[in-house]
Amino acid sequence: MIATELATQAAAVLQQATLAAPEPKGINTEGIVTFFASNIAPILLAVLGVIFIGRASRGEISKVLTSSAIAIVGLAFIAGAATLFFVGDALIKLIFN
């Protein structure tokens, strides 16, 4: 009898502990992405623009065109990765919901 009472009390204490535990909080990744897209990316693009204008004024047009092409390809890869992220998210929601 004592063992069953102790087991019952232990189960009640355990149930209260699990009910009182706070929910874990996640990281706000949307806020981080929004901050990067609205603040950091324009500054980096402005720096690239200044570098390209500086090279073009010195007559290094071929280097400017090469760098511009590399930057455009990089942006295409970033856009492709973002697209795959959203397509993957849609596929996961379609399959598991």
PDB file of N, CA and C in Angstrom:
ATOM      1  N   MET A   1       0.809  -1.182   0.000  1.00  0.00           N
ATOM      2  CA  MET A   1       0.000   0.000   0.000  1.00  0.00           C
ATOM      3  C   MET A   1       0.863   1.261   0.000  1.00  0.00           C
ATOM      4  N   ILE A   2       1.905   1.241   0.793  1.00  0.00           N
ATOM      5  CA  ILE A   2       2.763   2.409   0.871  1.00  0.00           C
ATOM      6  C   ILE A   2       3.427   2.656  -0.480  1.00  0.00           C
ATOM      7  N   ALA A   3       3.802   1.564  -1.144  1.00  0.00           N
ATOM      8  CA  ALA A   3       4.463   1.700  -2.450  1.00  0.00           C
ATOM      9  C   ALA A   3       3.510   2.293  -3.484  1.00  0.00           C
ATOM     10  N   THR A   4       2.256   1.896  -3.476  1.00  0.00           N
ATOM     11  CA  THR A   4       1.305   2.450  -4.440  1.00  0.00           C
ATOM     12  C   THR A   4       1.004   3.907  -4.146  1.00  0.00           C
ATOM     13  N   GLU A   5       0.959   4.276  -2.861  1.00  0.00           N
ATOM     14  CA  GLU A   5       0.730   5.680  -2.512  1.00  0.00           C
ATOM     15  C   GLU A   5       1.917   6.538  -2.942  1.00  0.00           C
ATOM     16  N   LEU A   6       3.126   6.024  -2.717  1.00  0.00           N
ATOM     17  CA  LEU A   6       4.309   6.763  -3.147  1.00  0.00           C
ATOM     18  C   LEU A   6       4.346   6.901  -4.672  1.00  0.00           C
ATOM     19  N   ALA A   7       3.977   5.837  -5.380  1.00  0.00           N
ATOM     20  CA  ALA A   7       3.959   5.894  -6.848  1.00  0.00           C
ATOM     21  C   ALA A   7       2.916   6.889  -7.332  1.00  0.00           C
ATOM     22  N   THR A   8       1.764   6.921  -6.679  1.00  0.00           N
ATOM     23  CA  THR A   8       0.710   7.862  -7.048  1.00  0.00           C
ATOM     24  C   THR A   8       1.154   9.300  -6.801  1.00  0.00           C
ATOM     25  N   GLN A   9       1.790   9.545  -5.647  1.00  0.00           N
ATOM     26  CA  GLN A   9       2.274  10.890  -5.348  1.00  0.00           C
ATOM     27  C   GLN A   9       3.387  11.303  -6.303  1.00  0.00           C
ATOM     28  N   ALA A  10       4.272  10.377  -6.627  1.00  0.00           N
ATOM     29  CA  ALA A  10       5.358  10.692  -7.560  1.00  0.00           C
ATOM     30  C   ALA A  10       4.805  11.015  -8.943  1.00  0.00           C
ATOM     31  N   ALA A  11       3.796  10.272  -9.371  1.00  0.00           N
ATOM     32  CA  ALA A  11       3.183  10.541 -10.670  1.00  0.00           C
ATOM     33  C   ALA A  11       2.499  11.899 -10.673  1.00  0.00           C
ATOM     34  N   ALA A  12       1.856  12.268  -9.568  1.00  0.00           N
ATOM     35  CA  ALA A  12       1.184  13.564  -9.482  1.00  0.00           C
ATOM     36  C   ALA A  12       2.194  14.707  -9.517  1.00  0.00           C
ATOM     37  N   VAL A  13       3.315  14.539  -8.801  1.00  0.00           N
ATOM     38  CA  VAL A  13       4.356  15.567  -8.796  1.00  0.00           C
ATOM     39  C   VAL A  13       4.959  15.708 -10.186  1.00  0.00           C
ATOM     40  N   LEU A  14       5.212  14.579 -10.837  1.00  0.00           N
ATOM     41  CA  LEU A  14       5.778  14.605 -12.190  1.00  0.00           C
ATOM     42  C   LEU A  14       4.825  15.278 -13.174  1.00  0.00           C
ATOM     43  N   GLN A  15       3.537  15.005 -13.052  1.00  0.00           N
ATOM     44  CA  GLN A  15       2.558  15.623 -13.940  1.00  0.00           C
ATOM     45  C   GLN A  15       2.496  17.133 -13.713  1.00  0.00           C
ATOM     46  N   GLN A  16       2.557  17.580 -12.476  1.00  0.00           N
ATOM     47  CA  GLN A  16       2.550  19.015 -12.188  1.00  0.00           C
ATOM     48  C   GLN A  16       3.806  19.683 -12.726  1.00  0.00           C
ATOM     49  N   ALA A  17       4.938  19.004 -12.640  1.00  0.00           N
ATOM     50  CA  ALA A  17       6.196  19.573 -13.132  1.00  0.00           C
ATOM     51  C   ALA A  17       6.161  19.726 -14.647  1.00  0.00           C
ATOM     52  N   THR A  18       5.579  18.756 -15.345  1.00  0.00           N
ATOM     53  CA  THR A  18       5.523  18.859 -16.804  1.00  0.00           C
ATOM     54  C   THR A  18       4.511  19.902 -17.242  1.00  0.00           C
ATOM     55  N   LEU A  19       3.458  20.098 -16.489  1.00  0.00           N
ATOM     56  CA  LEU A  19       2.469  21.109 -16.852  1.00  0.00           C
ATOM     57  C   LEU A  19       3.005  22.515 -16.593  1.00  0.00           C
ATOM     58  N   ALA A  20       3.846  22.684 -15.578  1.00  0.00           N
ATOM     59  CA  ALA A  20       4.343  24.000 -15.222  1.00  0.00           C
ATOM     60  C   ALA A  20       5.554  24.423 -16.035  1.00  0.00           C
ATOM     61  N   ALA A  21       6.156  23.489 -16.782  1.00  0.00           N
ATOM     62  CA  ALA A  21       7.364  23.818 -17.550  1.00  0.00           C
ATOM     63  C   ALA A  21       7.005  24.775 -18.688  1.00  0.00           C
ATOM     64  N   PRO A  22       7.775  25.849 -18.835  1.00  0.00           N
ATOM     65  CA  PRO A  22       7.472  26.803 -19.913  1.00  0.00           C
ATOM     66  C   PRO A  22       7.846  26.228 -21.284  1.00  0.00           C
ATOM     67  N   GLU A  23       7.160  26.703 -22.288  1.00  0.00           N
ATOM     68  CA  GLU A  23       7.436  26.284 -23.652  1.00  0.00           C
ATOM     69  C   GLU A  23       8.773  26.854 -24.107  1.00  0.00           C
ATOM     70  N   PRO A  24       9.581  26.058 -24.801  1.00  0.00           N
ATOM     71  CA  PRO A  24      10.852  26.607 -25.300  1.00  0.00           C
ATOM     72  C   PRO A  24      10.598  27.643 -26.385  1.00  0.00           C
ATOM     73  N   LYS A  25      11.432  28.684 -26.387  1.00  0.00           N
ATOM     74  CA  LYS A  25      11.283  29.746 -27.372  1.00  0.00           C
ATOM     75  C   LYS A  25      12.284  29.525 -28.491  1.00  0.00           C
ATOM     76  N   GLY A  26      11.846  29.759 -29.719  1.00  0.00           N
ATOM     77  CA  GLY A  26      12.724  29.608 -30.868  1.00  0.00           C
ATOM     78  C   GLY A  26      13.400  30.917 -31.226  1.00  0.00           C
ATOM     79  N   ILE A  27      14.308  30.843 -32.167  1.00  0.00           N
ATOM     80  CA  ILE A  27      15.013  32.026 -32.655  1.00  0.00           C
ATOM     81  C   ILE A  27      14.170  32.658 -33.752  1.00  0.00           C
ATOM     82  N   ASN A  28      14.056  33.966 -33.734  1.00  0.00           N
ATOM     83  CA  ASN A  28      13.285  34.696 -34.731  1.00  0.00           C
ATOM     84  C   ASN A  28      14.124  34.841 -36.007  1.00  0.00           C
ATOM     85  N   THR A  29      14.106  33.810 -36.847  1.00  0.00           N
ATOM     86  CA  THR A  29      14.918  33.842 -38.063  1.00  0.00           C
ATOM     87  C   THR A  29      14.359  34.815 -39.086  1.00  0.00           C
ATOM     88  N   GLU A  30      13.050  35.034 -39.063  1.00  0.00           N
ATOM     89  CA  GLU A  30      12.475  35.988 -40.013  1.00  0.00           C
ATOM     90  C   GLU A  30      12.990  37.393 -39.732  1.00  0.00           C
ATOM     91  N   GLY A  31      13.123  37.741 -38.471  1.00  0.00           N
ATOM     92  CA  GLY A  31      13.658  39.049 -38.112  1.00  0.00           C
ATOM     93  C   GLY A  31      15.106  39.208 -38.541  1.00  0.00           C
ATOM     94  N   ILE A  32      15.887  38.136 -38.406  1.00  0.00           N
ATOM     95  CA  ILE A  32      17.291  38.187 -38.806  1.00  0.00           C
ATOM     96  C   ILE A  32      17.410  38.360 -40.313  1.00  0.00           C
ATOM     97  N   VAL A  33      16.629  37.597 -41.071  1.00  0.00           N
ATOM     98  CA  VAL A  33      16.670  37.695 -42.533  1.00  0.00           C
ATOM     99  C   VAL A  33      16.199  39.068 -42.989  1.00  0.00           C
ATOM    100  N   THR A  34      15.154  39.584 -42.371  1.00  0.00           N
ATOM    101  CA  THR A  34      14.645  40.913 -42.725  1.00  0.00           C
ATOM    102  C   THR A  34      15.683  41.990 -42.436  1.00  0.00           C
ATOM    103  N   PHE A  35      16.361  41.886 -41.279  1.00  0.00           N
ATOM    104  CA  PHE A  35      17.396  42.847 -40.943  1.00  0.00           C
ATOM    105  C   PHE A  35      18.525  42.802 -41.961  1.00  0.00           C
ATOM    106  N   PHE A  36      18.965  41.602 -42.325  1.00  0.00           N
ATOM    107  CA  PHE A  36      20.053  41.468 -43.291  1.00  0.00           C
ATOM    108  C   PHE A  36      19.646  42.033 -44.650  1.00  0.00           C
ATOM    109  N   ALA A  37      18.428  41.697 -45.094  1.00  0.00           N
ATOM    110  CA  ALA A  37      17.979  42.145 -46.409  1.00  0.00           C
ATOM    111  C   ALA A  37      17.755  43.648 -46.460  1.00  0.00           C
ATOM    112  N   SER A  38      17.330  44.250 -45.351  1.00  0.00           N
ATOM    113  CA  SER A  38      17.018  45.680 -45.380  1.00  0.00           C
ATOM    114  C   SER A  38      18.193  46.570 -44.994  1.00  0.00           C
ATOM    115  N   ASN A  39      19.171  46.054 -44.255  1.00  0.00           N
ATOM    116  CA  ASN A  39      20.262  46.903 -43.780  1.00  0.00           C
ATOM    117  C   ASN A  39      21.629  46.526 -44.339  1.00  0.00           C
ATOM    118  N   ILE A  40      21.977  45.269 -44.279  1.00  0.00           N
ATOM    119  CA  ILE A  40      23.325  44.846 -44.636  1.00  0.00           C
ATOM    120  C   ILE A  40      23.501  44.732 -46.149  1.00  0.00           C
ATOM    121  N   ALA A  41      22.556  44.111 -46.837  1.00  0.00           N
ATOM    122  CA  ALA A  41      22.682  43.892 -48.281  1.00  0.00           C
ATOM    123  C   ALA A  41      22.813  45.195 -49.074  1.00  0.00           C
ATOM    124  N   PRO A  42      22.018  46.242 -48.803  1.00  0.00           N
ATOM    125  CA  PRO A  42      22.208  47.485 -49.562  1.00  0.00           C
ATOM    126  C   PRO A  42      23.579  48.126 -49.343  1.00  0.00           C
ATOM    127  N   ILE A  43      24.110  48.017 -48.131  1.00  0.00           N
ATOM    128  CA  ILE A  43      25.436  48.576 -47.868  1.00  0.00           C
ATOM    129  C   ILE A  43      26.492  47.828 -48.665  1.00  0.00           C
ATOM    130  N   LEU A  44      26.402  46.497 -48.684  1.00  0.00           N
ATOM    131  CA  LEU A  44      27.361  45.704 -49.456  1.00  0.00           C
ATOM    132  C   LEU A  44      27.260  46.003 -50.955  1.00  0.00           C
ATOM    133  N   LEU A  45      26.044  46.153 -51.447  1.00  0.00           N
ATOM    134  CA  LEU A  45      25.872  46.480 -52.871  1.00  0.00           C
ATOM    135  C   LEU A  45      26.426  47.869 -53.183  1.00  0.00           C
ATOM    136  N   ALA A  46      26.265  48.821 -52.268  1.00  0.00           N
ATOM    137  CA  ALA A  46      26.826  50.160 -52.479  1.00  0.00           C
ATOM    138  C   ALA A  46      28.349  50.115 -52.512  1.00  0.00           C
ATOM    139  N   VAL A  47      28.954  49.316 -51.642  1.00  0.00           N
ATOM    140  CA  VAL A  47      30.410  49.167 -51.642  1.00  0.00           C
ATOM    141  C   VAL A  47      30.881  48.566 -52.964  1.00  0.00           C
ATOM    142  N   LEU A  48      30.183  47.546 -53.446  1.00  0.00           N
ATOM    143  CA  LEU A  48      30.526  46.960 -54.747  1.00  0.00           C
ATOM    144  C   LEU A  48      30.399  47.991 -55.864  1.00  0.00           C
ATOM    145  N   GLY A  49      29.358  48.793 -55.812  1.00  0.00           N
ATOM    146  CA  GLY A  49      29.180  49.831 -56.827  1.00  0.00           C
ATOM    147  C   GLY A  49      30.314  50.834 -56.829  1.00  0.00           C
ATOM    148  N   VAL A  50      30.756  51.249 -55.650  1.00  0.00           N
ATOM    149  CA  VAL A  50      31.875  52.193 -55.554  1.00  0.00           C
ATOM    150  C   VAL A  50      33.148  51.568 -56.116  1.00  0.00           C
ATOM    151  N   ILE A  51      33.383  50.299 -55.813  1.00  0.00           N
ATOM    152  CA  ILE A  51      34.562  49.613 -56.346  1.00  0.00           C
ATOM    153  C   ILE A  51      34.495  49.538 -57.866  1.00  0.00           C
ATOM    154  N   PHE A  52      33.329  49.194 -58.390  1.00  0.00           N
ATOM    155  CA  PHE A  52      33.179  49.088 -59.850  1.00  0.00           C
ATOM    156  C   PHE A  52      33.385  50.443 -60.522  1.00  0.00           C
ATOM    157  N   ILE A  53      32.837  51.511 -59.939  1.00  0.00           N
ATOM    158  CA  ILE A  53      32.999  52.847 -60.530  1.00  0.00           C
ATOM    159  C   ILE A  53      34.466  53.274 -60.479  1.00  0.00           C
ATOM    160  N   GLY A  54      35.136  52.954 -59.355  1.00  0.00           N
ATOM    161  CA  GLY A  54      36.558  53.273 -59.252  1.00  0.00           C
ATOM    162  C   GLY A  54      37.394  52.560 -60.294  1.00  0.00           C
ATOM    163  N   ARG A  55      37.117  51.298 -60.532  1.00  0.00           N
ATOM    164  CA  ARG A  55      37.853  50.553 -61.557  1.00  0.00           C
ATOM    165  C   ARG A  55      37.542  51.084 -62.950  1.00  0.00           C
ATOM    166  N   ALA A  56      36.276  51.397 -63.196  1.00  0.00           N
ATOM    167  CA  ALA A  56      35.894  51.872 -64.530  1.00  0.00           C
ATOM    168  C   ALA A  56      36.538  53.224 -64.824  1.00  0.00           C
ATOM    169  N   SER A  57      36.713  54.056 -63.810  1.00  0.00           N
ATOM    170  CA  SER A  57      37.321  55.366 -64.047  1.00  0.00           C
ATOM    171  C   SER A  57      38.817  55.244 -64.363  1.00  0.00           C
ATOM    172  N   ARG A  58      39.442  54.145 -63.949  1.00  0.00           N
ATOM    173  CA  ARG A  58      40.857  53.915 -64.252  1.00  0.00           C
ATOM    174  C   ARG A  58      41.046  53.177 -65.575  1.00  0.00           C
ATOM    175  N   GLY A  59      39.962  52.875 -66.250  1.00  0.00           N
ATOM    176  CA  GLY A  59      40.062  52.221 -67.548  1.00  0.00           C
ATOM    177  C   GLY A  59      40.080  50.712 -67.487  1.00  0.00           C
ATOM    178  N   GLU A  60      39.746  50.118 -66.354  1.00  0.00           N
ATOM    179  CA  GLU A  60      39.744  48.663 -66.222  1.00  0.00           C
ATOM    180  C   GLU A  60      38.339  48.119 -66.493  1.00  0.00           C
ATOM    181  N   ILE A  61      37.838  48.390 -67.682  1.00  0.00           N
ATOM    182  CA  ILE A  61      36.467  48.012 -68.027  1.00  0.00           C
ATOM    183  C   ILE A  61      36.302  46.499 -68.033  1.00  0.00           C
ATOM    184  N   SER A  62      37.298  45.775 -68.515  1.00  0.00           N
ATOM    185  CA  SER A  62      37.170  44.315 -68.576  1.00  0.00           C
ATOM    186  C   SER A  62      37.047  43.717 -67.173  1.00  0.00           C
ATOM    187  N   LYS A  63      37.802  44.252 -66.216  1.00  0.00           N
ATOM    188  CA  LYS A  63      37.697  43.767 -64.841  1.00  0.00           C
ATOM    189  C   LYS A  63      36.337  44.109 -64.238  1.00  0.00           C
ATOM    190  N   VAL A  64      35.827  45.276 -64.594  1.00  0.00           N
ATOM    191  CA  VAL A  64      34.508  45.677 -64.091  1.00  0.00           C
ATOM    192  C   VAL A  64      33.439  44.751 -64.657  1.00  0.00           C
ATOM    193  N   LEU A  65      33.524  44.447 -65.939  1.00  0.00           N
ATOM    194  CA  LEU A  65      32.535  43.559 -66.545  1.00  0.00           C
ATOM    195  C   LEU A  65      32.626  42.148 -65.965  1.00  0.00           C
ATOM    196  N   THR A  66      33.853  41.683 -65.741  1.00  0.00           N
ATOM    197  CA  THR A  66      34.028  40.356 -65.146  1.00  0.00           C
ATOM    198  C   THR A  66      33.466  40.321 -63.729  1.00  0.00           C
ATOM    199  N   SER A  67      33.784  41.324 -62.945  1.00  0.00           N
ATOM    200  CA  SER A  67      33.279  41.383 -61.569  1.00  0.00           C
ATOM    201  C   SER A  67      31.762  41.517 -61.545  1.00  0.00           C
ATOM    202  N   SER A  68      31.223  42.295 -62.458  1.00  0.00           N
ATOM    203  CA  SER A  68      29.769  42.450 -62.525  1.00  0.00           C
ATOM    204  C   SER A  68      29.099  41.134 -62.889  1.00  0.00           C
ATOM    205  N   ALA A  69      29.686  40.414 -63.828  1.00  0.00           N
ATOM    206  CA  ALA A  69      29.123  39.124 -64.212  1.00  0.00           C
ATOM    207  C   ALA A  69      29.174  38.141 -63.047  1.00  0.00           C
ATOM    208  N   ILE A  70      30.277  38.141 -62.310  1.00  0.00           N
ATOM    209  CA  ILE A  70      30.385  37.258 -61.146  1.00  0.00           C
ATOM    210  C   ILE A  70      29.349  37.639 -60.093  1.00  0.00           C
ATOM    211  N   ALA A  71      29.154  38.939 -59.878  1.00  0.00           N
ATOM    212  CA  ALA A  71      28.156  39.392 -58.901  1.00  0.00           C
ATOM    213  C   ALA A  71      26.751  38.979 -59.325  1.00  0.00           C
ATOM    214  N   ILE A  72      26.451  39.086 -60.616  1.00  0.00           N
ATOM    215  CA  ILE A  72      25.123  38.706 -61.112  1.00  0.00           C
ATOM    216  C   ILE A  72      24.903  37.207 -60.964  1.00  0.00           C
ATOM    217  N   VAL A  73      25.922  36.406 -61.268  1.00  0.00           N
ATOM    218  CA  VAL A  73      25.808  34.956 -61.094  1.00  0.00           C
ATOM    219  C   VAL A  73      25.619  34.616 -59.613  1.00  0.00           C
ATOM    220  N   GLY A  74      26.334  35.317 -58.738  1.00  0.00           N
ATOM    221  CA  GLY A  74      26.162  35.099 -57.298  1.00  0.00           C
ATOM    222  C   GLY A  74      24.752  35.423 -56.837  1.00  0.00           C
ATOM    223  N   LEU A  75      24.215  36.532 -57.331  1.00  0.00           N
ATOM    224  CA  LEU A  75      22.831  36.880 -56.980  1.00  0.00           C
ATOM    225  C   LEU A  75      21.850  35.842 -57.514  1.00  0.00           C
ATOM    226  N   ALA A  76      22.130  35.291 -58.702  1.00  0.00           N
ATOM    227  CA  ALA A  76      21.261  34.250 -59.251  1.00  0.00           C
ATOM    228  C   ALA A  76      21.297  33.002 -58.369  1.00  0.00           C
ATOM    229  N   PHE A  77      22.488  32.643 -57.867  1.00  0.00           N
ATOM    230  CA  PHE A  77      22.576  31.497 -56.962  1.00  0.00           C
ATOM    231  C   PHE A  77      21.809  31.749 -55.670  1.00  0.00           C
ATOM    232  N   ILE A  78      21.913  32.951 -55.133  1.00  0.00           N
ATOM    233  CA  ILE A  78      21.186  33.278 -53.906  1.00  0.00           C
ATOM    234  C   ILE A  78      19.676  33.223 -54.150  1.00  0.00           C
ATOM    235  N   ALA A  79      19.229  33.763 -55.278  1.00  0.00           N
ATOM    236  CA  ALA A  79      17.800  33.720 -55.603  1.00  0.00           C
ATOM    237  C   ALA A  79      17.336  32.279 -55.801  1.00  0.00           C
ATOM    238  N   GLY A  80      18.179  31.471 -56.432  1.00  0.00           N
ATOM    239  CA  GLY A  80      17.830  30.058 -56.620  1.00  0.00           C
ATOM    240  C   GLY A  80      17.730  29.322 -55.302  1.00  0.00           C
ATOM    241  N   ALA A  81      18.639  29.611 -54.385  1.00  0.00           N
ATOM    242  CA  ALA A  81      18.592  28.966 -53.069  1.00  0.00           C
ATOM    243  C   ALA A  81      17.333  29.383 -52.312  1.00  0.00           C
ATOM    244  N   ALA A  82      16.974  30.654 -52.392  1.00  0.00           N
ATOM    245  CA  ALA A  82      15.747  31.120 -51.727  1.00  0.00           C
ATOM    246  C   ALA A  82      14.522  30.450 -52.338  1.00  0.00           C
ATOM    247  N   THR A  83      14.532  30.316 -53.654  1.00  0.00           N
ATOM    248  CA  THR A  83      13.408  29.657 -54.326  1.00  0.00           C
ATOM    249  C   THR A  83      13.298  28.207 -53.887  1.00  0.00           C
ATOM    250  N   LEU A  84      14.431  27.501 -53.831  1.00  0.00           N
ATOM    251  CA  LEU A  84      14.405  26.108 -53.389  1.00  0.00           C
ATOM    252  C   LEU A  84      13.949  25.990 -51.939  1.00  0.00           C
ATOM    253  N   PHE A  85      14.295  26.966 -51.115  1.00  0.00           N
ATOM    254  CA  PHE A  85      13.847  26.956 -49.727  1.00  0.00           C
ATOM    255  C   PHE A  85      12.326  27.014 -49.658  1.00  0.00           C
ATOM    256  N   PHE A  86      11.718  27.910 -50.422  1.00  0.00           N
ATOM    257  CA  PHE A  86      10.263  28.043 -50.398  1.00  0.00           C
ATOM    258  C   PHE A  86       9.575  26.855 -51.062  1.00  0.00           C
ATOM    259  N   VAL A  87      10.167  26.334 -52.145  1.00  0.00           N
ATOM    260  CA  VAL A  87       9.589  25.159 -52.807  1.00  0.00           C
ATOM    261  C   VAL A  87       9.666  23.960 -51.867  1.00  0.00           C
ATOM    262  N   GLY A  88      10.803  23.796 -51.194  1.00  0.00           N
ATOM    263  CA  GLY A  88      10.940  22.698 -50.239  1.00  0.00           C
ATOM    264  C   GLY A  88       9.962  22.817 -49.096  1.00  0.00           C
ATOM    265  N   ASP A  89       9.766  24.027 -48.593  1.00  0.00           N
ATOM    266  CA  ASP A  89       8.800  24.246 -47.523  1.00  0.00           C
ATOM    267  C   ASP A  89       7.389  23.885 -47.983  1.00  0.00           C
ATOM    268  N   ALA A  90       7.050  24.274 -49.209  1.00  0.00           N
ATOM    269  CA  ALA A  90       5.720  23.953 -49.742  1.00  0.00           C
ATOM    270  C   ALA A  90       5.552  22.443 -49.911  1.00  0.00           C
ATOM    271  N   LEU A  91       6.607  21.757 -50.364  1.00  0.00           N
ATOM    272  CA  LEU A  91       6.530  20.301 -50.525  1.00  0.00           C
ATOM    273  C   LEU A  91       6.380  19.600 -49.177  1.00  0.00           C
ATOM    274  N   ILE A  92       7.094  20.068 -48.176  1.00  0.00           N
ATOM    275  CA  ILE A  92       6.979  19.453 -46.847  1.00  0.00           C
ATOM    276  C   ILE A  92       5.579  19.660 -46.297  1.00  0.00           C
ATOM    277  N   LYS A  93       5.024  20.854 -46.453  1.00  0.00           N
ATOM    278  CA  LYS A  93       3.659  21.100 -45.981  1.00  0.00           C
ATOM    279  C   LYS A  93       2.650  20.248 -46.744  1.00  0.00           C
ATOM    280  N   LEU A  94       2.888  20.057 -48.043  1.00  0.00           N
ATOM    281  CA  LEU A  94       1.981  19.250 -48.860  1.00  0.00           C
ATOM    282  C   LEU A  94       2.018  17.799 -48.430  1.00  0.00           C
ATOM    283  N   ILE A  95       3.207  17.276 -48.145  1.00  0.00           N
ATOM    284  CA  ILE A  95       3.353  15.871 -47.811  1.00  0.00           C
ATOM    285  C   ILE A  95       2.868  15.565 -46.388  1.00  0.00           C
ATOM    286  N   PHE A  96       3.255  16.402 -45.437  1.00  0.00           N
ATOM    287  CA  PHE A  96       2.988  16.088 -44.039  1.00  0.00           C
ATOM    288  C   PHE A  96       1.718  16.687 -43.482  1.00  0.00           C
ATOM    289  N   ASN A  97       0.988  17.472 -44.237  1.00  0.00           N
ATOM    290  CA  ASN A  97      -0.288  18.020 -43.727  1.00  0.00           C
ATOM    291  C   ASN A  97      -1.461  17.382 -44.371  1.00  0.00           C
TER     292      ASN A  97
END
